[in-house]
Protein backbone atom coordinates (compact mmCIF):
# COMPACT_ATOMS: atom_id res chain seq x y z
CA UNK A 1 -0.33 -5.42 -18.89
CA UNK A 2 -0.41 -4.69 -15.25
CA UNK A 3 -0.38 -1.47 -13.25
CA UNK A 4 2.32 -2.23 -10.78
CA UNK A 5 2.40 -0.67 -7.30
CA UNK A 6 3.98 -1.11 -4.01
CA UNK A 7 2.16 -0.73 -0.71
CA UNK A 8 4.08 0.28 2.43
CA UNK A 9 2.25 -0.32 5.74
CA UNK A 10 3.95 1.58 8.53
CA UNK A 11 3.42 1.98 12.20
CA UNK A 12 5.61 3.84 14.79
CA UNK A 13 7.96 0.78 15.00
CA UNK A 14 8.46 -0.69 11.48
CA UNK A 15 7.27 -0.83 8.08
CA UNK A 16 6.40 -3.48 5.61
CA UNK A 17 6.39 -3.40 1.81
CA UNK A 18 4.07 -5.42 -0.48
CA UNK A 19 4.35 -5.70 -4.48
CA UNK A 20 1.17 -6.06 -6.28
CA UNK A 21 1.47 -6.77 -10.16
CA UNK A 22 -1.66 -5.31 -11.38
CA UNK A 23 -4.62 -3.19 -10.33
CA UNK A 24 -2.44 -0.37 -8.92
CA UNK A 25 -4.49 2.57 -10.01
CA UNK A 26 -5.99 4.52 -7.08
CA UNK A 27 -9.51 3.37 -7.34
CA UNK A 28 -8.55 -0.31 -7.50
CA UNK A 29 -5.70 0.13 -4.99
CA UNK A 30 -8.13 1.64 -2.27
CA UNK A 31 -10.44 -1.33 -2.86
CA UNK A 32 -7.63 -3.66 -2.32
CA UNK A 33 -6.65 -1.89 0.95
CA UNK A 34 -10.32 -1.90 2.10
CA UNK A 35 -10.50 -5.68 1.49
CA UNK A 36 -7.68 -6.23 3.97
CA UNK A 37 -9.65 -5.03 6.63
CA UNK A 38 -11.64 -8.01 6.78
CA UNK A 39 -8.34 -9.91 7.61
CA UNK A 40 -6.94 -7.44 10.01
CA UNK A 41 -7.32 -6.56 13.68
CA UNK A 42 -10.22 -4.02 13.96
CA UNK A 43 -9.38 -0.38 14.19
CA UNK A 44 -8.05 1.08 16.36
CA UNK A 45 -5.60 -1.64 16.86
CA UNK A 46 -3.14 -1.28 13.97
CA UNK A 47 0.19 -2.99 13.51
CA UNK A 48 1.95 -2.60 10.08
CA UNK A 49 2.84 -6.53 10.09
CA UNK A 50 -0.61 -7.58 10.61
CA UNK A 51 -2.02 -5.29 8.00
CA UNK A 52 0.59 -6.19 5.43
CA UNK A 53 -0.26 -9.81 6.10
CA UNK A 54 -4.06 -9.10 5.86
CA UNK A 55 -3.43 -7.18 2.51
CA UNK A 56 -1.70 -10.31 1.13
CA UNK A 57 -4.48 -12.53 2.23
CA UNK A 58 -7.16 -10.69 0.78
CA UNK A 59 -5.42 -10.10 -2.46
CA UNK A 60 -3.47 -13.08 -3.27
CA UNK A 61 -4.80 -15.51 -6.00
CA UNK A 62 -4.18 -19.02 -6.37
CA UNK A 63 -0.99 -19.86 -8.36
CA UNK A 64 1.02 -17.12 -6.57
CA UNK A 65 3.21 -14.44 -8.25
CA UNK A 66 0.74 -11.59 -8.29
CA UNK A 67 1.26 -10.29 -4.61
CA UNK A 68 4.16 -10.74 -2.44
CA UNK A 69 6.50 -9.06 0.17
CA UNK A 70 9.42 -6.87 -1.11
CA UNK A 71 12.18 -5.10 0.62
CA UNK A 72 11.53 -1.64 -0.79
CA UNK A 73 9.67 0.19 -3.74
CA UNK A 74 12.97 1.06 -4.85
CA UNK A 75 13.67 -2.45 -5.90
CA UNK A 76 10.80 -2.00 -8.74
CA UNK A 77 11.60 0.11 -11.55
CA UNK A 78 8.46 -0.27 -13.46
CA UNK A 79 5.95 0.76 -10.85
CA UNK A 80 3.23 3.53 -11.71
CA UNK A 81 2.21 4.05 -8.16
CA UNK A 82 3.16 3.58 -4.49
CA UNK A 83 1.05 3.79 -1.53
CA UNK A 84 1.94 4.54 2.24
CA UNK A 85 -0.77 3.15 4.69
CA UNK A 86 -0.78 3.82 8.35
CA UNK A 87 -3.27 4.55 11.11
CA UNK A 88 -3.96 8.19 11.77
CA UNK A 89 -5.99 9.50 14.75
CA UNK A 90 -8.70 11.72 13.26
CA UNK A 91 -9.97 14.95 14.96
CA UNK A 92 -12.99 12.82 16.25
CA UNK A 93 -10.58 10.69 18.09
CA UNK A 94 -11.37 7.58 15.73
CA UNK A 95 -8.49 5.72 13.88
CA UNK A 96 -8.66 5.79 10.21
CA UNK A 97 -6.32 4.44 7.70
CA UNK A 98 -4.26 7.12 6.22
CA UNK A 99 -3.28 6.41 2.74
CA UNK A 100 -0.83 8.64 0.83
CA UNK A 101 -0.74 8.05 -3.00
CA UNK A 102 2.29 8.61 -5.02
CA UNK A 103 2.55 8.51 -8.84
CA UNK A 104 5.72 8.39 -11.13
CA UNK A 105 6.24 12.06 -12.27
CA UNK A 106 9.52 11.60 -14.01
CA UNK A 107 12.85 9.74 -14.21
CA UNK A 108 16.12 10.95 -12.92
CA UNK A 109 19.34 8.84 -13.78
CA UNK A 110 17.12 6.10 -14.86
CA UNK A 111 15.22 6.01 -11.29
CA UNK A 112 11.57 7.07 -10.99
CA UNK A 113 10.70 10.08 -9.14
CA UNK A 114 7.48 10.12 -7.31
CA UNK A 115 5.10 13.05 -6.57
CA UNK A 116 2.56 12.74 -3.85
CA UNK A 117 -0.84 13.19 -5.53
CA UNK A 118 -3.45 12.34 -2.67
CA UNK A 119 -3.27 12.10 1.10
CA UNK A 120 -6.82 10.56 2.25
CA UNK A 121 -8.33 8.77 5.37
CA UNK A 122 -10.45 5.66 4.64
């Protein structure tokens, strides 16, 4: 059984959502995000569309179906985690990726309620 997650890549202009069917636990998710760096522009350049495409390129397996674009995390009732990724200026002036991790805390009227469990730079 997969650990489903949606990754939202955000910049100041737009956001893009990618669904991943398995390996959504935070440790594996962070590795999936780091793997995308190989396919994306080097920081400090960051565009949400480019990084979302890089994430798919780094994580898509032959045969399809496991990683794909989606309109919103709200379209997936069976998620265990969701992630928000954007570039953040750190105190040193370097750009790092900010990753906010949310986990399902409860359900309200059949909809998952998420709680932020971590906010980190990678």
